C-alpha cells in the first residue's frame, strides 16, 4: 500500500544542450577543482554556468551568507539553467535556507543535485514544495573520475532513467517489502532541522539515512531524537547508506554497538523492511537516487533492491 500521493511537480529531465548551473551554498570550493566536473558535464552534452560562489571565500564558506544566498537565488530564478549541481557540501546551507525565495522555482522547477550538507535544501523542498530532488555526487566528487558507476548514475538520472539498484545481503537486514516516497539524506542534518519548516514528513515513506565522521554515541543520540519525534514509527521501509569514518570511541568502557546495530535497535519494535549497506553517502559508491519519488524496497535473505516506480 502506498500512503503518499505522487509529487506535486516533477522537474523536466535534461536534454542535450541544456545548461547546468554550479553554485556553492556551503563550504569553499576552488575554481581549479571545479574544472574536471565542468569538463565531464560538457562531455555529456550540457552547457555549464558557474556561479559567483565558485572560488569565492569567506573563512570556511564559499562567501558570506548574503553572497551564497544570492548566488543560489540567481540560479533558481535563471530560466536558462535547467539543473543545479552543487559544488560541495561542508557546512552552511542551514544558515541561508530561510533567505531563499522558492516562488519562481515552484513555477519552473529544476533538479537540485547533491548530498551531505545539501540535505538542508532537499528537506526544505520536499517538506514545503513536494518537488523531487536528486541525492547524488557533487562537483567535488566528480574530480576523482567521471566514468565510475556513481558518476554514470548521475548521467542516467539527468536523462530520466528510473534506477533499480541491487544491494548485497547484510546479516542485520530485516526482510520485507514496502512502497512509498523516498525521503531523507544526511542523518545529522535531518536531526538539525527537527521542528523547523524543513523537517521531513516520514509517515508512509521510505527513509534513507547516511552519515560520516560521527561518534557512536552521537549516532545513538540522533536516532533517539528521530524515534522520540515519531519519525521512525510509520515508515514503510528504512534504507541505511554509508556510516563511514566513524570517530574513535571516546567512551571507556566502549559504547558496545556498531553504527548499524545502533540503528537497528531503534526500529526493532516495528515490522517494516530495513536495508543496510545501500551504496550512497560519503563513500566511493554514492549512487544517484531521486528523493521525493515513489520507490519500492524489497529485502530478502538473498539480496535487496531499491527501485523507482
Protein backbone atom coordinates (compact mmCIF):
# COMPACT_ATOMS: atom_id res chain seq x y z
CA UNK A 1 0.00 0.00 0.00
CA UNK A 2 1.29 3.47 -0.91
CA UNK A 3 0.31 6.14 1.61
CA UNK A 4 1.64 9.04 -0.43
CA UNK A 5 0.33 10.96 -3.37
CA UNK A 6 2.66 11.49 -6.30
CA UNK A 7 4.99 14.52 -6.22
CA UNK A 8 3.37 17.90 -6.86
CA UNK A 9 5.61 18.61 -9.85
CA UNK A 10 8.46 16.62 -11.37
CA UNK A 11 11.19 18.86 -12.81
CA UNK A 12 11.90 18.29 -16.52
CA UNK A 13 14.72 15.90 -17.30
CA UNK A 14 17.68 17.25 -19.22
CA UNK A 15 18.03 17.45 -22.96
CA UNK A 16 21.33 17.75 -24.88
CA UNK A 17 22.48 21.35 -24.85
CA UNK A 18 20.67 22.25 -21.62
CA UNK A 19 22.50 24.41 -19.09
CA UNK A 20 23.59 23.15 -15.68
CA UNK A 21 24.41 25.72 -13.02
CA UNK A 22 27.14 25.16 -10.44
CA UNK A 23 26.94 27.06 -7.16
CA UNK A 24 28.41 26.56 -3.69
CA UNK A 25 25.92 27.25 -0.87
CA UNK A 26 28.16 25.84 1.85
CA UNK A 27 31.93 25.24 2.01
CA UNK A 28 34.70 26.86 -0.03
CA UNK A 29 35.41 25.21 -3.40
CA UNK A 30 38.24 26.49 -5.58
CA UNK A 31 37.99 27.08 -9.31
CA UNK A 32 40.68 24.55 -10.22
CA UNK A 33 38.77 21.75 -8.52
CA UNK A 34 35.55 22.50 -10.40
CA UNK A 35 37.15 22.16 -13.82
CA UNK A 36 37.04 18.31 -14.04
CA UNK A 37 33.32 18.33 -13.20
CA UNK A 38 32.69 21.11 -15.73
CA UNK A 39 34.55 19.11 -18.38
CA UNK A 40 32.54 15.98 -17.58
CA UNK A 41 29.20 17.78 -17.85
CA UNK A 42 30.24 19.29 -21.16
CA UNK A 43 31.37 15.86 -22.38
CA UNK A 44 27.90 14.58 -21.53
CA UNK A 45 26.46 17.23 -23.85
CA UNK A 46 25.46 20.01 -21.45
CA UNK A 47 26.41 23.66 -21.11
CA UNK A 48 27.75 24.82 -17.75
CA UNK A 49 27.26 28.13 -15.97
CA UNK A 50 29.44 28.83 -12.94
CA UNK A 51 28.06 30.82 -10.07
CA UNK A 52 29.84 33.64 -8.30
CA UNK A 53 30.49 31.48 -5.26
CA UNK A 54 32.74 29.14 -7.23
CA UNK A 55 36.19 30.17 -5.96
CA UNK A 56 34.57 32.67 -3.60
CA UNK A 57 35.68 32.50 0.01
CA UNK A 58 34.71 33.90 3.39
CA UNK A 59 36.62 31.95 6.01
CA UNK A 60 35.44 28.32 5.66
CA UNK A 61 32.48 29.28 3.45
CA UNK A 62 32.29 29.98 -0.28
CA UNK A 63 31.16 33.51 0.51
CA UNK A 64 29.21 35.40 3.12
CA UNK A 65 25.70 34.19 3.93
CA UNK A 66 24.36 37.02 1.78
CA UNK A 67 26.61 36.10 -1.16
CA UNK A 68 25.82 32.40 -1.03
CA UNK A 69 22.10 33.01 -0.74
CA UNK A 70 22.15 35.49 -3.62
CA UNK A 71 24.07 33.11 -5.88
CA UNK A 72 21.66 30.25 -5.21
CA UNK A 73 18.69 32.61 -5.71
CA UNK A 74 20.07 33.75 -9.06
CA UNK A 75 20.37 30.18 -10.27
CA UNK A 76 16.92 29.19 -9.02
CA UNK A 77 15.42 32.15 -10.87
CA UNK A 78 17.50 31.88 -14.07
CA UNK A 79 15.28 30.34 -16.79
CA UNK A 80 18.36 29.31 -18.78
CA UNK A 81 19.51 26.95 -16.02
CA UNK A 82 17.65 23.63 -16.07
CA UNK A 83 19.53 21.84 -13.26
CA UNK A 84 21.74 22.92 -10.37
CA UNK A 85 24.66 20.67 -9.41
CA UNK A 86 26.14 21.89 -6.15
CA UNK A 87 29.89 22.27 -5.85
CA UNK A 88 30.37 20.65 -2.46
CA UNK A 89 28.87 20.25 0.97
CA UNK A 90 30.67 21.07 4.20
CA UNK A 91 28.57 23.43 6.31
CA UNK A 92 26.46 26.48 5.59
CA UNK A 93 23.13 25.65 3.94
CA UNK A 94 21.20 25.87 7.19
CA UNK A 95 22.43 29.47 7.57
CA UNK A 96 20.83 30.59 4.30
CA UNK A 97 17.82 28.36 3.61
CA UNK A 98 15.34 30.84 5.12
CA UNK A 99 16.70 33.62 2.91
CA UNK A 100 15.72 31.80 -0.29
CA UNK A 101 12.53 32.63 -2.21
CA UNK A 102 11.33 29.49 -4.00
CA UNK A 103 8.38 31.11 -5.80
CA UNK A 104 9.97 31.10 -9.26
CA UNK A 105 11.45 27.66 -8.66
CA UNK A 106 7.97 26.33 -7.86
CA UNK A 107 6.63 27.71 -11.14
CA UNK A 108 9.61 26.40 -13.14
CA UNK A 109 11.25 23.64 -11.08
CA UNK A 110 14.68 22.25 -11.86
CA UNK A 111 16.69 19.37 -10.44
CA UNK A 112 18.71 20.28 -7.34
CA UNK A 113 21.59 17.81 -7.07
CA UNK A 114 23.90 16.99 -4.18
CA UNK A 115 24.21 15.33 -0.78
CA UNK A 116 25.69 15.87 2.69
CA UNK A 117 25.00 19.50 3.75
CA UNK A 118 22.68 19.80 0.72
CA UNK A 119 20.26 17.68 2.77
CA UNK A 120 19.02 21.01 4.16
CA UNK A 121 17.89 22.05 0.67
CA UNK A 122 16.49 18.61 -0.17
CA UNK A 123 14.47 18.58 3.04
CA UNK A 124 13.04 22.06 2.65
CA UNK A 125 11.95 21.43 -0.94
CA UNK A 126 10.36 18.10 -0.02
CA UNK A 127 8.67 19.40 3.12
CA UNK A 128 7.34 22.67 1.71
CA UNK A 129 7.05 22.18 -2.05
CA UNK A 130 6.78 18.39 -2.55
CA UNK A 131 9.12 18.59 -5.54
CA UNK A 132 11.65 15.77 -6.08
CA UNK A 133 15.39 16.42 -5.83
CA UNK A 134 18.45 14.36 -6.69
CA UNK A 135 20.69 12.93 -3.95
CA UNK A 136 24.00 12.32 -5.72
CA UNK A 137 27.67 13.14 -6.03
CA UNK A 138 28.69 16.76 -6.45
CA UNK A 139 31.45 18.54 -8.34
CA UNK A 140 33.96 17.82 -5.59
CA UNK A 141 33.43 14.10 -6.20
CA UNK A 142 33.48 14.23 -9.97
CA UNK A 143 37.06 15.48 -9.91
CA UNK A 144 38.09 11.94 -8.90
CA UNK A 145 36.67 10.40 -12.06
CA UNK A 146 33.69 10.64 -14.36
CA UNK A 147 33.44 7.11 -15.73
CA UNK A 148 32.76 5.22 -12.49
CA UNK A 149 29.30 3.87 -11.74
CA UNK A 150 28.39 6.68 -9.34
CA UNK A 151 29.06 9.34 -11.97
CA UNK A 152 27.23 7.33 -14.60
CA UNK A 153 24.22 7.09 -12.30
CA UNK A 154 24.05 10.91 -12.33
CA UNK A 155 24.08 10.95 -16.11
CA UNK A 156 21.27 8.40 -16.22
CA UNK A 157 19.29 10.39 -13.65
CA UNK A 158 19.67 13.56 -15.72
CA UNK A 159 18.13 11.69 -18.67
CA UNK A 160 15.22 10.46 -16.55
CA UNK A 161 16.13 6.77 -16.39
CA UNK A 162 14.49 5.02 -13.45
CA UNK A 163 17.10 3.30 -11.26
CA UNK A 164 16.75 -0.22 -9.86
CA UNK A 165 19.66 -0.81 -7.51
CA UNK A 166 20.66 -4.26 -6.26
CA UNK A 167 22.18 -4.35 -2.77
CA UNK A 168 24.16 -7.18 -1.19
CA UNK A 169 22.62 -9.02 1.78
CA UNK A 170 23.52 -7.91 5.30
CA UNK A 171 23.07 -10.03 8.41
CA UNK A 172 21.29 -7.17 10.17
CA UNK A 173 18.72 -6.64 7.41
CA UNK A 174 15.03 -7.15 8.14
CA UNK A 175 13.15 -8.82 5.32
CA UNK A 176 10.02 -7.44 3.75
CA UNK A 177 8.81 -5.02 1.08
CA UNK A 178 7.34 -1.56 1.03
CA UNK A 179 6.39 1.21 -1.39
CA UNK A 180 6.33 4.93 -0.78
CA UNK A 181 8.03 8.24 -1.40
CA UNK A 182 11.75 8.14 -0.69
CA UNK A 183 12.89 10.88 1.72
CA UNK A 184 15.93 11.59 3.86
CA UNK A 185 19.63 12.27 3.47
CA UNK A 186 22.36 13.02 5.97
CA UNK A 187 21.29 11.90 9.45
CA UNK A 188 22.84 14.79 11.38
CA UNK A 189 21.22 17.35 9.06
CA UNK A 190 17.82 15.67 9.33
CA UNK A 191 18.07 15.90 13.11
CA UNK A 192 19.33 19.50 12.97
CA UNK A 193 16.12 20.50 11.18
CA UNK A 194 13.72 18.86 13.63
CA UNK A 195 10.87 21.20 14.48
CA UNK A 196 11.63 23.60 11.62
CA UNK A 197 9.94 24.27 8.28
CA UNK A 198 12.44 21.83 6.77
CA UNK A 199 11.52 18.88 8.98
CA UNK A 200 10.58 15.96 6.74
CA UNK A 201 7.32 14.04 6.96
CA UNK A 202 8.10 10.32 7.22
CA UNK A 203 4.56 8.93 7.50
CA UNK A 204 4.15 6.10 4.99
CA UNK A 205 7.54 6.83 3.42
CA UNK A 206 10.83 5.04 2.84
CA UNK A 207 13.51 6.80 4.88
CA UNK A 208 17.11 6.93 3.65
CA UNK A 209 19.90 7.92 6.05
CA UNK A 210 23.71 8.15 5.91
CA UNK A 211 26.44 9.97 7.80
CA UNK A 212 30.18 10.47 8.22
CA UNK A 213 32.70 11.43 10.92
CA UNK A 214 30.29 10.84 13.82
CA UNK A 215 30.89 9.23 17.18
CA UNK A 216 28.81 6.17 18.00
CA UNK A 217 27.13 7.92 20.92
CA UNK A 218 26.15 10.76 18.57
CA UNK A 219 24.54 8.32 16.13
CA UNK A 220 22.69 6.78 19.08
CA UNK A 221 21.50 10.21 20.23
CA UNK A 222 20.37 11.24 16.75
CA UNK A 223 18.44 8.01 16.24
CA UNK A 224 16.76 8.51 19.61
CA UNK A 225 15.80 12.03 18.50
CA UNK A 226 14.12 10.68 15.35
CA UNK A 227 12.40 7.96 17.37
CA UNK A 228 11.12 10.34 20.07
CA UNK A 229 9.88 12.70 17.35
CA UNK A 230 7.80 9.89 15.84
CA UNK A 231 9.84 9.83 12.62
CA UNK A 232 10.53 6.07 12.72
CA UNK A 233 7.22 4.54 13.68
CA UNK A 234 5.14 4.89 10.49
CA UNK A 235 7.78 4.18 7.87
CA UNK A 236 7.20 1.63 5.13
CA UNK A 237 10.94 0.99 4.84
CA UNK A 238 14.34 2.11 6.09
CA UNK A 239 17.41 2.30 3.83
CA UNK A 240 20.77 2.85 5.52
CA UNK A 241 23.66 4.02 3.38
CA UNK A 242 27.24 4.61 4.40
CA UNK A 243 28.05 5.20 8.06
CA UNK A 244 31.65 5.95 7.28
CA UNK A 245 34.79 7.16 9.02
CA UNK A 246 33.26 6.66 12.47
CA UNK A 247 35.22 8.61 15.08
CA UNK A 248 37.38 6.70 17.53
CA UNK A 249 35.37 5.66 20.57
CA UNK A 250 35.89 8.21 23.34
CA UNK A 251 33.99 6.22 25.96
CA UNK A 252 35.71 3.87 28.39
CA UNK A 253 34.36 1.20 28.52
CA UNK A 254 33.46 1.31 24.79
CA UNK A 255 29.96 2.07 23.52
CA UNK A 256 29.28 -1.58 22.69
CA UNK A 257 27.38 -1.36 19.39
CA UNK A 258 28.29 -0.66 15.79
CA UNK A 259 26.54 2.13 13.90
CA UNK A 260 24.28 -0.37 12.14
CA UNK A 261 23.43 -2.12 15.43
CA UNK A 262 22.53 1.24 16.98
CA UNK A 263 20.14 1.98 14.12
CA UNK A 264 18.53 -1.46 14.16
CA UNK A 265 17.97 -1.19 17.91
CA UNK A 266 15.85 1.95 17.44
CA UNK A 267 13.48 0.27 14.96
CA UNK A 268 13.39 -3.26 16.43
CA UNK A 269 9.75 -2.93 17.54
CA UNK A 270 8.50 -2.07 14.04
CA UNK A 271 7.91 -4.51 11.19
CA UNK A 272 8.92 -2.66 8.01
CA UNK A 273 11.91 -3.80 5.92
CA UNK A 274 15.36 -2.48 6.78
CA UNK A 275 18.22 -2.49 4.27
CA UNK A 276 21.78 -1.85 5.43
CA UNK A 277 24.74 -1.07 3.20
CA UNK A 278 22.97 0.83 0.44
CA UNK A 279 25.61 2.33 -1.89
CA UNK A 280 25.04 6.02 -1.18
CA UNK A 281 26.64 8.54 1.12
CA UNK A 282 30.18 9.65 1.96
CA UNK A 283 31.89 6.76 0.23
CA UNK A 284 33.22 5.70 -3.18
CA UNK A 285 29.90 4.21 -4.27
CA UNK A 286 27.43 7.08 -4.00
CA UNK A 287 24.66 6.27 -6.43
CA UNK A 288 22.09 8.83 -7.51
CA UNK A 289 18.59 8.47 -6.01
CA UNK A 290 15.62 10.76 -6.55
CA UNK A 291 14.23 11.89 -3.21
CA UNK A 292 10.53 12.65 -3.31
CA UNK A 293 9.75 9.97 -5.92
CA UNK A 294 7.89 6.71 -5.25
CA UNK A 295 10.18 3.73 -4.72
CA UNK A 296 9.77 0.03 -3.99
CA UNK A 297 12.08 -1.54 -1.41
CA UNK A 298 12.48 -5.32 -1.31
CA UNK A 299 14.67 -7.00 1.30
CA UNK A 300 15.24 -10.76 1.14
CA UNK A 301 17.81 -13.16 2.53
CA UNK A 302 19.39 -13.42 -0.92
CA UNK A 303 19.61 -9.72 -1.72
CA UNK A 304 17.80 -6.42 -1.83
CA UNK A 305 16.54 -3.91 -4.35
CA UNK A 306 15.51 -0.28 -4.28
CA UNK A 307 13.58 0.59 -7.42
CA UNK A 308 11.98 3.83 -8.52
CA UNK A 309 8.50 3.07 -9.84
